[in-house]
């Protein structure tokens, strides 16, 4: 049973991200169709920053879910899930590299690592009986 939870904890991150981020970004971009280019990206700074913030929040949730499902060594599971998310993220970002500014891709990669570990840290604090932010 522990091995099943280990696999589920790692696979949960891309599933949660796909279920939440793809539709929410679609809703966000639908509000600003004049800022989108023909590739589906944007060079509008406010929309890019809103995209990064939304992704950071969802990636934090992904890290929390991964840590919540992990039967042991939460941080190890989060690292493995982060690597999986980075592999998926790199392949997706390469498919539309020129649709957004180059810096967006690197901020997105940093959001994957930072967000996943932020979510795990929130879970760790929860287990310790501490408030999430203090």
C-alpha atoms as a PDB file:
ATOM      1  CA  UNK A   1       0.000   0.000   0.000  1.00  0.00           C
ATOM      2  CA  UNK A   2       2.885   2.369   0.743  1.00  0.00           C
ATOM      3  CA  UNK A   3       4.290   1.872  -2.757  1.00  0.00           C
ATOM      4  CA  UNK A   4       0.936   2.701  -4.311  1.00  0.00           C
ATOM      5  CA  UNK A   5       0.765   5.905  -2.252  1.00  0.00           C
ATOM      6  CA  UNK A   6       4.329   6.737  -3.309  1.00  0.00           C
ATOM      7  CA  UNK A   7       3.433   6.441  -6.977  1.00  0.00           C
ATOM      8  CA  UNK A   8       0.165   8.317  -6.490  1.00  0.00           C
ATOM      9  CA  UNK A   9       1.912  11.137  -4.648  1.00  0.00           C
ATOM     10  CA  UNK A  10       4.321  11.701  -7.528  1.00  0.00           C
ATOM     11  CA  UNK A  11       1.702  11.321 -10.273  1.00  0.00           C
ATOM     12  CA  UNK A  12      -0.752  13.588  -8.440  1.00  0.00           C
ATOM     13  CA  UNK A  13       1.264  16.731  -9.198  1.00  0.00           C
ATOM     14  CA  UNK A  14       0.896  16.713 -12.998  1.00  0.00           C
ATOM     15  CA  UNK A  15      -2.715  15.536 -12.705  1.00  0.00           C
ATOM     16  CA  UNK A  16      -3.680  18.358 -10.329  1.00  0.00           C
ATOM     17  CA  UNK A  17      -1.784  20.846 -12.478  1.00  0.00           C
ATOM     18  CA  UNK A  18      -3.535  19.656 -15.635  1.00  0.00           C
ATOM     19  CA  UNK A  19      -6.974  19.689 -14.051  1.00  0.00           C
ATOM     20  CA  UNK A  20      -6.618  23.172 -12.561  1.00  0.00           C
ATOM     21  CA  UNK A  21      -4.075  25.200 -14.496  1.00  0.00           C
ATOM     22  CA  UNK A  22      -5.059  24.474 -18.066  1.00  0.00           C
ATOM     23  CA  UNK A  23      -8.730  25.540 -17.675  1.00  0.00           C
ATOM     24  CA  UNK A  24      -7.914  28.473 -15.375  1.00  0.00           C
ATOM     25  CA  UNK A  25      -5.314  29.828 -17.793  1.00  0.00           C
ATOM     26  CA  UNK A  26      -7.856  29.408 -20.573  1.00  0.00           C
ATOM     27  CA  UNK A  27     -10.334  31.496 -18.578  1.00  0.00           C
ATOM     28  CA  UNK A  28      -7.694  34.114 -17.826  1.00  0.00           C
ATOM     29  CA  UNK A  29      -6.599  34.376 -21.458  1.00  0.00           C
ATOM     30  CA  UNK A  30     -10.211  34.518 -22.648  1.00  0.00           C
ATOM     31  CA  UNK A  31     -10.581  37.803 -20.749  1.00  0.00           C
ATOM     32  CA  UNK A  32      -7.794  39.401 -22.804  1.00  0.00           C
ATOM     33  CA  UNK A  33      -8.024  38.037 -26.363  1.00  0.00           C
ATOM     34  CA  UNK A  34      -6.474  41.193 -27.820  1.00  0.00           C
ATOM     35  CA  UNK A  35      -3.218  40.510 -25.891  1.00  0.00           C
ATOM     36  CA  UNK A  36      -2.743  37.013 -27.319  1.00  0.00           C
ATOM     37  CA  UNK A  37      -0.597  36.294 -30.336  1.00  0.00           C
ATOM     38  CA  UNK A  38      -1.238  33.711 -33.066  1.00  0.00           C
ATOM     39  CA  UNK A  39       0.672  31.028 -31.103  1.00  0.00           C
ATOM     40  CA  UNK A  40      -1.563  31.420 -28.024  1.00  0.00           C
ATOM     41  CA  UNK A  41       1.046  33.260 -25.995  1.00  0.00           C
ATOM     42  CA  UNK A  42       1.404  36.882 -25.018  1.00  0.00           C
ATOM     43  CA  UNK A  43       4.043  39.519 -24.578  1.00  0.00           C
ATOM     44  CA  UNK A  44       1.833  41.649 -22.312  1.00  0.00           C
ATOM     45  CA  UNK A  45       3.614  41.999 -18.978  1.00  0.00           C
ATOM     46  CA  UNK A  46       0.494  42.163 -16.739  1.00  0.00           C
ATOM     47  CA  UNK A  47      -0.941  39.027 -18.329  1.00  0.00           C
ATOM     48  CA  UNK A  48       2.393  37.219 -18.061  1.00  0.00           C
ATOM     49  CA  UNK A  49       2.710  38.150 -14.380  1.00  0.00           C
ATOM     50  CA  UNK A  50      -0.863  37.012 -13.720  1.00  0.00           C
ATOM     51  CA  UNK A  51      -0.012  33.748 -15.481  1.00  0.00           C
ATOM     52  CA  UNK A  52       3.067  33.240 -13.307  1.00  0.00           C
ATOM     53  CA  UNK A  53       1.141  34.001 -10.111  1.00  0.00           C
ATOM     54  CA  UNK A  54      -1.646  31.588 -11.027  1.00  0.00           C
ATOM     55  CA  UNK A  55       0.873  28.886 -11.884  1.00  0.00           C
ATOM     56  CA  UNK A  56       2.772  29.455  -8.634  1.00  0.00           C
ATOM     57  CA  UNK A  57      -0.420  29.039  -6.607  1.00  0.00           C
ATOM     58  CA  UNK A  58      -1.400  25.864  -8.427  1.00  0.00           C
ATOM     59  CA  UNK A  59       2.127  24.449  -8.224  1.00  0.00           C
ATOM     60  CA  UNK A  60       2.100  25.115  -4.473  1.00  0.00           C
ATOM     61  CA  UNK A  61      -1.107  23.109  -4.278  1.00  0.00           C
ATOM     62  CA  UNK A  62       0.591  20.363  -6.299  1.00  0.00           C
ATOM     63  CA  UNK A  63       3.452  20.274  -3.806  1.00  0.00           C
ATOM     64  CA  UNK A  64       1.004  20.159  -0.907  1.00  0.00           C
ATOM     65  CA  UNK A  65      -0.947  17.284  -2.472  1.00  0.00           C
ATOM     66  CA  UNK A  66       2.264  15.383  -3.206  1.00  0.00           C
ATOM     67  CA  UNK A  67       3.431  15.818   0.390  1.00  0.00           C
ATOM     68  CA  UNK A  68      -0.027  14.921   1.708  1.00  0.00           C
ATOM     69  CA  UNK A  69      -0.148  11.652  -0.229  1.00  0.00           C
ATOM     70  CA  UNK A  70       3.458  10.633   0.416  1.00  0.00           C
ATOM     71  CA  UNK A  71       3.560   7.748   2.923  1.00  0.00           C
ATOM     72  CA  UNK A  72       7.064   8.623   4.102  1.00  0.00           C
ATOM     73  CA  UNK A  73       9.887  11.053   3.260  1.00  0.00           C
ATOM     74  CA  UNK A  74       7.629  13.796   1.954  1.00  0.00           C
ATOM     75  CA  UNK A  75      10.531  15.883   0.676  1.00  0.00           C
ATOM     76  CA  UNK A  76      11.880  13.007  -1.421  1.00  0.00           C
ATOM     77  CA  UNK A  77       8.511  12.558  -3.096  1.00  0.00           C
ATOM     78  CA  UNK A  78       8.276  16.294  -3.734  1.00  0.00           C
ATOM     79  CA  UNK A  79      11.737  16.324  -5.323  1.00  0.00           C
ATOM     80  CA  UNK A  80      10.798  13.423  -7.600  1.00  0.00           C
ATOM     81  CA  UNK A  81       7.480  15.080  -8.496  1.00  0.00           C
ATOM     82  CA  UNK A  82       9.329  18.360  -9.165  1.00  0.00           C
ATOM     83  CA  UNK A  83      11.702  16.609 -11.556  1.00  0.00           C
ATOM     84  CA  UNK A  84       8.727  15.020 -13.324  1.00  0.00           C
ATOM     85  CA  UNK A  85       6.999  18.396 -13.546  1.00  0.00           C
ATOM     86  CA  UNK A  86      10.189  19.985 -14.890  1.00  0.00           C
ATOM     87  CA  UNK A  87      10.511  17.304 -17.576  1.00  0.00           C
ATOM     88  CA  UNK A  88       6.911  17.869 -18.640  1.00  0.00           C
ATOM     89  CA  UNK A  89       7.327  21.639 -18.345  1.00  0.00           C
ATOM     90  CA  UNK A  90      10.457  21.755 -20.490  1.00  0.00           C
ATOM     91  CA  UNK A  91       8.799  19.744 -23.248  1.00  0.00           C
ATOM     92  CA  UNK A  92       5.717  21.971 -23.204  1.00  0.00           C
ATOM     93  CA  UNK A  93       7.726  25.200 -23.062  1.00  0.00           C
ATOM     94  CA  UNK A  94       9.878  24.087 -26.009  1.00  0.00           C
ATOM     95  CA  UNK A  95       6.754  23.626 -28.110  1.00  0.00           C
ATOM     96  CA  UNK A  96       5.950  27.335 -27.929  1.00  0.00           C
ATOM     97  CA  UNK A  97       9.284  28.890 -27.024  1.00  0.00           C
ATOM     98  CA  UNK A  98       8.815  31.896 -29.292  1.00  0.00           C
ATOM     99  CA  UNK A  99       5.208  32.626 -28.247  1.00  0.00           C
ATOM    100  CA  UNK A 100       6.265  34.357 -25.019  1.00  0.00           C
ATOM    101  CA  UNK A 101       9.397  36.210 -23.863  1.00  0.00           C
ATOM    102  CA  UNK A 102      12.337  33.987 -22.994  1.00  0.00           C
ATOM    103  CA  UNK A 103      12.361  35.085 -19.353  1.00  0.00           C
ATOM    104  CA  UNK A 104       8.861  33.641 -18.907  1.00  0.00           C
ATOM    105  CA  UNK A 105      10.139  30.112 -19.462  1.00  0.00           C
ATOM    106  CA  UNK A 106      12.824  30.418 -16.803  1.00  0.00           C
ATOM    107  CA  UNK A 107      10.429  32.025 -14.324  1.00  0.00           C
ATOM    108  CA  UNK A 108       8.041  29.140 -14.981  1.00  0.00           C
ATOM    109  CA  UNK A 109      10.784  26.587 -14.243  1.00  0.00           C
ATOM    110  CA  UNK A 110      11.606  28.437 -11.018  1.00  0.00           C
ATOM    111  CA  UNK A 111       7.894  28.434 -10.120  1.00  0.00           C
ATOM    112  CA  UNK A 112       7.809  24.663 -10.522  1.00  0.00           C
ATOM    113  CA  UNK A 113      10.635  24.097  -8.075  1.00  0.00           C
ATOM    114  CA  UNK A 114       9.687  26.904  -5.688  1.00  0.00           C
ATOM    115  CA  UNK A 115       5.952  26.240  -5.743  1.00  0.00           C
ATOM    116  CA  UNK A 116       6.284  22.510  -5.201  1.00  0.00           C
ATOM    117  CA  UNK A 117       8.587  23.044  -2.230  1.00  0.00           C
ATOM    118  CA  UNK A 118       6.403  25.825  -0.820  1.00  0.00           C
ATOM    119  CA  UNK A 119       3.429  23.455  -0.835  1.00  0.00           C
ATOM    120  CA  UNK A 120       5.495  20.769   0.892  1.00  0.00           C
ATOM    121  CA  UNK A 121       6.658  23.282   3.484  1.00  0.00           C
ATOM    122  CA  UNK A 122       3.047  24.220   4.213  1.00  0.00           C
ATOM    123  CA  UNK A 123       2.231  20.539   4.734  1.00  0.00           C
ATOM    124  CA  UNK A 124       5.264  20.128   7.013  1.00  0.00           C
ATOM    125  CA  UNK A 125       4.174  23.098   9.115  1.00  0.00           C
ATOM    126  CA  UNK A 126       0.657  21.690   9.271  1.00  0.00           C
ATOM    127  CA  UNK A 127       1.971  18.400  10.601  1.00  0.00           C
ATOM    128  CA  UNK A 128       4.001  20.259  13.202  1.00  0.00           C
ATOM    129  CA  UNK A 129       0.881  22.015  14.476  1.00  0.00           C
ATOM    130  CA  UNK A 130       2.181  25.399  13.373  1.00  0.00           C
ATOM    131  CA  UNK A 131       0.165  27.987  11.479  1.00  0.00           C
ATOM    132  CA  UNK A 132       1.095  28.107   7.768  1.00  0.00           C
ATOM    133  CA  UNK A 133       2.541  31.624   7.926  1.00  0.00           C
ATOM    134  CA  UNK A 134       4.103  33.107  11.013  1.00  0.00           C
END
